[in-house]
Amino acid sequence: MSEETLEEMDEFLNQLVQARFEKFLKFGGIIGKKRFTELLLLLVKAFVRCLYYTKGEIFLKDIANITRAEALFMMNEPVFSMNFKAVSSFLYGEQMENLLDNEMHRWILYLAENKKLPPGSEYHRFMGKYIKN
């Protein structure tokens, strides 16, 4: 799978994500609308790459943790900046953590239903297990 294919997956999944978070995007919560929009794009990008680069089995909880960490890394914010603190507390807050786990479950199902998962991969929805050969 090329970088171009990964970007196509990003765009495809971003349509769903933007639609699902449309009302929230109007406000942006504690991190602001612009930063929240950027964060959603980075979460999708990190999520797609996590699915693509996985080898073997990985559970949804692990995908979600890696995706959050990678999105923070991609933001390239200094650790002690106010933006980093706001975004990290937002991403790792108990309610948002559960929300993102649930959303990522939905994202995998959406990709699977539309035959957009990376080749050789499958998702066991009731176990929360993603397998890629």
C-alpha atoms as a PDB file:
ATOM      1  CA  MET A   1       0.000   0.000   0.000  1.00  0.00           C
ATOM      2  CA  SER A   2       1.492   3.306  -1.059  1.00  0.00           C
ATOM      3  CA  GLU A   3       1.384   6.664   0.691  1.00  0.00           C
ATOM      4  CA  GLU A   4      -1.173   7.699  -1.934  1.00  0.00           C
ATOM      5  CA  THR A   5      -3.434   4.795  -0.918  1.00  0.00           C
ATOM      6  CA  LEU A   6      -3.053   5.735   2.751  1.00  0.00           C
ATOM      7  CA  GLU A   7      -4.077   9.296   1.915  1.00  0.00           C
ATOM      8  CA  GLU A   8      -7.140   7.967   0.058  1.00  0.00           C
ATOM      9  CA  MET A   9      -8.069   5.994   3.187  1.00  0.00           C
ATOM     10  CA  ASP A  10      -7.538   9.157   5.254  1.00  0.00           C
ATOM     11  CA  GLU A  11      -9.886  11.130   3.010  1.00  0.00           C
ATOM     12  CA  PHE A  12     -12.508   8.372   2.972  1.00  0.00           C
ATOM     13  CA  LEU A  13     -12.531   8.029   6.762  1.00  0.00           C
ATOM     14  CA  ASN A  14     -12.337  11.795   7.325  1.00  0.00           C
ATOM     15  CA  GLN A  15     -15.725  12.183   5.643  1.00  0.00           C
ATOM     16  CA  LEU A  16     -17.311   9.988   8.315  1.00  0.00           C
ATOM     17  CA  VAL A  17     -15.384  11.582  11.179  1.00  0.00           C
ATOM     18  CA  GLN A  18     -16.137  15.163  10.147  1.00  0.00           C
ATOM     19  CA  ALA A  19     -19.837  14.317   9.789  1.00  0.00           C
ATOM     20  CA  ARG A  20     -19.955  12.603  13.195  1.00  0.00           C
ATOM     21  CA  PHE A  21     -18.195  15.482  14.959  1.00  0.00           C
ATOM     22  CA  GLU A  22     -19.823  18.288  12.956  1.00  0.00           C
ATOM     23  CA  LYS A  23     -21.805  19.745  15.870  1.00  0.00           C
ATOM     24  CA  PHE A  24     -18.839  19.507  18.227  1.00  0.00           C
ATOM     25  CA  LEU A  25     -16.581  21.181  15.654  1.00  0.00           C
ATOM     26  CA  LYS A  26     -18.678  24.335  15.906  1.00  0.00           C
ATOM     27  CA  PHE A  27     -17.400  24.822  19.437  1.00  0.00           C
ATOM     28  CA  GLY A  28     -14.148  22.869  19.648  1.00  0.00           C
ATOM     29  CA  GLY A  29     -14.450  22.252  23.368  1.00  0.00           C
ATOM     30  CA  ILE A  30     -11.544  23.202  25.611  1.00  0.00           C
ATOM     31  CA  ILE A  31      -8.952  23.194  22.822  1.00  0.00           C
ATOM     32  CA  GLY A  32     -10.705  25.416  20.277  1.00  0.00           C
ATOM     33  CA  LYS A  33     -12.253  24.727  16.895  1.00  0.00           C
ATOM     34  CA  LYS A  34      -9.083  25.023  14.781  1.00  0.00           C
ATOM     35  CA  ARG A  35      -6.998  22.818  17.077  1.00  0.00           C
ATOM     36  CA  PHE A  36      -9.817  20.261  17.398  1.00  0.00           C
ATOM     37  CA  THR A  37     -10.208  20.033  13.609  1.00  0.00           C
ATOM     38  CA  GLU A  38      -6.449  19.524  13.268  1.00  0.00           C
ATOM     39  CA  LEU A  39      -6.534  16.909  16.015  1.00  0.00           C
ATOM     40  CA  LEU A  40      -9.313  14.948  14.292  1.00  0.00           C
ATOM     41  CA  LEU A  41      -7.342  14.912  11.044  1.00  0.00           C
ATOM     42  CA  LEU A  42      -4.252  13.685  12.888  1.00  0.00           C
ATOM     43  CA  LEU A  43      -6.223  11.025  14.772  1.00  0.00           C
ATOM     44  CA  VAL A  44      -7.550   9.669  11.481  1.00  0.00           C
ATOM     45  CA  LYS A  45      -4.101   9.754   9.904  1.00  0.00           C
ATOM     46  CA  ALA A  46      -2.525   7.973  12.884  1.00  0.00           C
ATOM     47  CA  PHE A  47      -5.389   5.449  13.018  1.00  0.00           C
ATOM     48  CA  VAL A  48      -5.086   4.549   9.321  1.00  0.00           C
ATOM     49  CA  ARG A  49      -1.330   4.094   9.626  1.00  0.00           C
ATOM     50  CA  CYS A  50      -1.732   1.983  12.744  1.00  0.00           C
ATOM     51  CA  LEU A  51      -4.041  -0.365  10.828  1.00  0.00           C
ATOM     52  CA  TYR A  52      -1.732  -0.473   7.838  1.00  0.00           C
ATOM     53  CA  TYR A  53       1.564  -1.040   9.676  1.00  0.00           C
ATOM     54  CA  THR A  54       0.216  -3.589  12.155  1.00  0.00           C
ATOM     55  CA  LYS A  55       1.501  -7.122  11.745  1.00  0.00           C
ATOM     56  CA  GLY A  56      -0.331  -9.962  13.439  1.00  0.00           C
ATOM     57  CA  GLU A  57      -2.992  -9.239  16.060  1.00  0.00           C
ATOM     58  CA  ILE A  58      -3.776  -6.075  17.972  1.00  0.00           C
ATOM     59  CA  PHE A  59      -6.729  -5.197  20.179  1.00  0.00           C
ATOM     60  CA  LEU A  60      -8.893  -2.101  19.800  1.00  0.00           C
ATOM     61  CA  LYS A  61      -7.692  -0.660  23.124  1.00  0.00           C
ATOM     62  CA  ASP A  62      -4.104  -0.850  21.880  1.00  0.00           C
ATOM     63  CA  ILE A  63      -5.024   0.695  18.524  1.00  0.00           C
ATOM     64  CA  ALA A  64      -6.719   3.558  20.370  1.00  0.00           C
ATOM     65  CA  ASN A  65      -3.724   4.131  22.675  1.00  0.00           C
ATOM     66  CA  ILE A  66      -1.240   4.092  19.791  1.00  0.00           C
ATOM     67  CA  THR A  67      -3.453   6.388  17.729  1.00  0.00           C
ATOM     68  CA  ARG A  68      -3.740   8.951  20.537  1.00  0.00           C
ATOM     69  CA  ALA A  69       0.009   8.883  21.202  1.00  0.00           C
ATOM     70  CA  GLU A  70       0.881   9.139  17.512  1.00  0.00           C
ATOM     71  CA  ALA A  71      -1.549  12.038  16.959  1.00  0.00           C
ATOM     72  CA  LEU A  72       0.096  13.929  19.839  1.00  0.00           C
ATOM     73  CA  PHE A  73       3.500  13.177  18.324  1.00  0.00           C
ATOM     74  CA  MET A  74       2.349  14.438  14.907  1.00  0.00           C
ATOM     75  CA  MET A  75       1.210  17.725  16.463  1.00  0.00           C
ATOM     76  CA  ASN A  76       4.868  18.406  17.230  1.00  0.00           C
ATOM     77  CA  GLU A  77       4.038  20.566  20.242  1.00  0.00           C
ATOM     78  CA  PRO A  78       6.614  21.162  22.965  1.00  0.00           C
ATOM     79  CA  VAL A  79       5.733  18.995  25.964  1.00  0.00           C
ATOM     80  CA  PHE A  80       5.273  21.882  28.367  1.00  0.00           C
ATOM     81  CA  SER A  81       3.295  24.145  26.028  1.00  0.00           C
ATOM     82  CA  MET A  82      -0.275  25.061  26.875  1.00  0.00           C
ATOM     83  CA  ASN A  83      -1.484  23.487  23.628  1.00  0.00           C
ATOM     84  CA  PHE A  84       0.169  20.164  24.469  1.00  0.00           C
ATOM     85  CA  LYS A  85      -1.282  20.176  27.976  1.00  0.00           C
ATOM     86  CA  ALA A  86      -4.776  21.041  26.746  1.00  0.00           C
ATOM     87  CA  VAL A  87      -4.739  18.483  23.929  1.00  0.00           C
ATOM     88  CA  SER A  88      -3.231  15.672  25.999  1.00  0.00           C
ATOM     89  CA  SER A  89      -5.662  16.233  28.878  1.00  0.00           C
ATOM     90  CA  PHE A  90      -8.460  16.331  26.319  1.00  0.00           C
ATOM     91  CA  LEU A  91      -7.343  13.080  24.619  1.00  0.00           C
ATOM     92  CA  TYR A  92      -6.631  11.195  27.814  1.00  0.00           C
ATOM     93  CA  GLY A  93      -9.541  12.460  29.874  1.00  0.00           C
ATOM     94  CA  GLU A  94     -11.693   9.550  31.009  1.00  0.00           C
ATOM     95  CA  GLN A  95     -14.758  10.523  28.993  1.00  0.00           C
ATOM     96  CA  MET A  96     -12.834  11.297  25.805  1.00  0.00           C
ATOM     97  CA  GLU A  97     -10.783   8.130  26.105  1.00  0.00           C
ATOM     98  CA  ASN A  98     -13.964   6.042  26.173  1.00  0.00           C
ATOM     99  CA  LEU A  99     -15.490   8.089  23.368  1.00  0.00           C
ATOM    100  CA  LEU A 100     -12.437   7.624  21.148  1.00  0.00           C
ATOM    101  CA  ASP A 101     -12.340   3.877  21.806  1.00  0.00           C
ATOM    102  CA  ASN A 102     -15.971   3.670  20.724  1.00  0.00           C
ATOM    103  CA  GLU A 103     -15.374   5.891  17.712  1.00  0.00           C
ATOM    104  CA  MET A 104     -12.389   3.863  16.547  1.00  0.00           C
ATOM    105  CA  HIS A 105     -14.496   0.711  16.786  1.00  0.00           C
ATOM    106  CA  ARG A 106     -17.014   2.450  14.519  1.00  0.00           C
ATOM    107  CA  TRP A 107     -14.220   3.572  12.161  1.00  0.00           C
ATOM    108  CA  ILE A 108     -12.928   0.027  11.717  1.00  0.00           C
ATOM    109  CA  LEU A 109     -16.446  -1.271  11.065  1.00  0.00           C
ATOM    110  CA  TYR A 110     -17.027   1.535   8.562  1.00  0.00           C
ATOM    111  CA  LEU A 111     -13.823   0.700   6.700  1.00  0.00           C
ATOM    112  CA  ALA A 112     -14.658  -3.029   6.768  1.00  0.00           C
ATOM    113  CA  GLU A 113     -18.219  -2.489   5.500  1.00  0.00           C
ATOM    114  CA  ASN A 114     -16.877  -0.396   2.638  1.00  0.00           C
ATOM    115  CA  LYS A 115     -14.054  -2.850   1.883  1.00  0.00           C
ATOM    116  CA  LYS A 116     -11.421  -0.250   2.707  1.00  0.00           C
ATOM    117  CA  LEU A 117      -9.419  -2.178   5.311  1.00  0.00           C
ATOM    118  CA  PRO A 118      -5.829  -2.888   4.283  1.00  0.00           C
ATOM    119  CA  PRO A 119      -5.447  -6.113   2.259  1.00  0.00           C
ATOM    120  CA  GLY A 120      -5.155  -9.261   4.373  1.00  0.00           C
ATOM    121  CA  SER A 121      -6.818  -7.742   7.421  1.00  0.00           C
ATOM    122  CA  GLU A 122      -9.978  -8.514   9.348  1.00  0.00           C
ATOM    123  CA  TYR A 123     -11.688  -7.191  12.439  1.00  0.00           C
ATOM    124  CA  HIS A 124     -13.459  -9.347  15.026  1.00  0.00           C
ATOM    125  CA  ARG A 125     -15.927  -6.773  16.269  1.00  0.00           C
ATOM    126  CA  PHE A 126     -17.144  -8.584  19.382  1.00  0.00           C
ATOM    127  CA  MET A 127     -13.612  -9.294  20.567  1.00  0.00           C
ATOM    128  CA  GLY A 128     -12.181  -5.934  19.531  1.00  0.00           C
ATOM    129  CA  LYS A 129      -9.362  -7.742  17.748  1.00  0.00           C
ATOM    130  CA  TYR A 130      -7.797  -6.574  14.487  1.00  0.00           C
ATOM    131  CA  ILE A 131      -5.702  -9.082  12.547  1.00  0.00           C
ATOM    132  CA  LYS A 132      -3.447  -8.309   9.614  1.00  0.00           C
ATOM    133  CA  ASN A 133      -1.342 -10.942   7.885  1.00  0.00           C
END
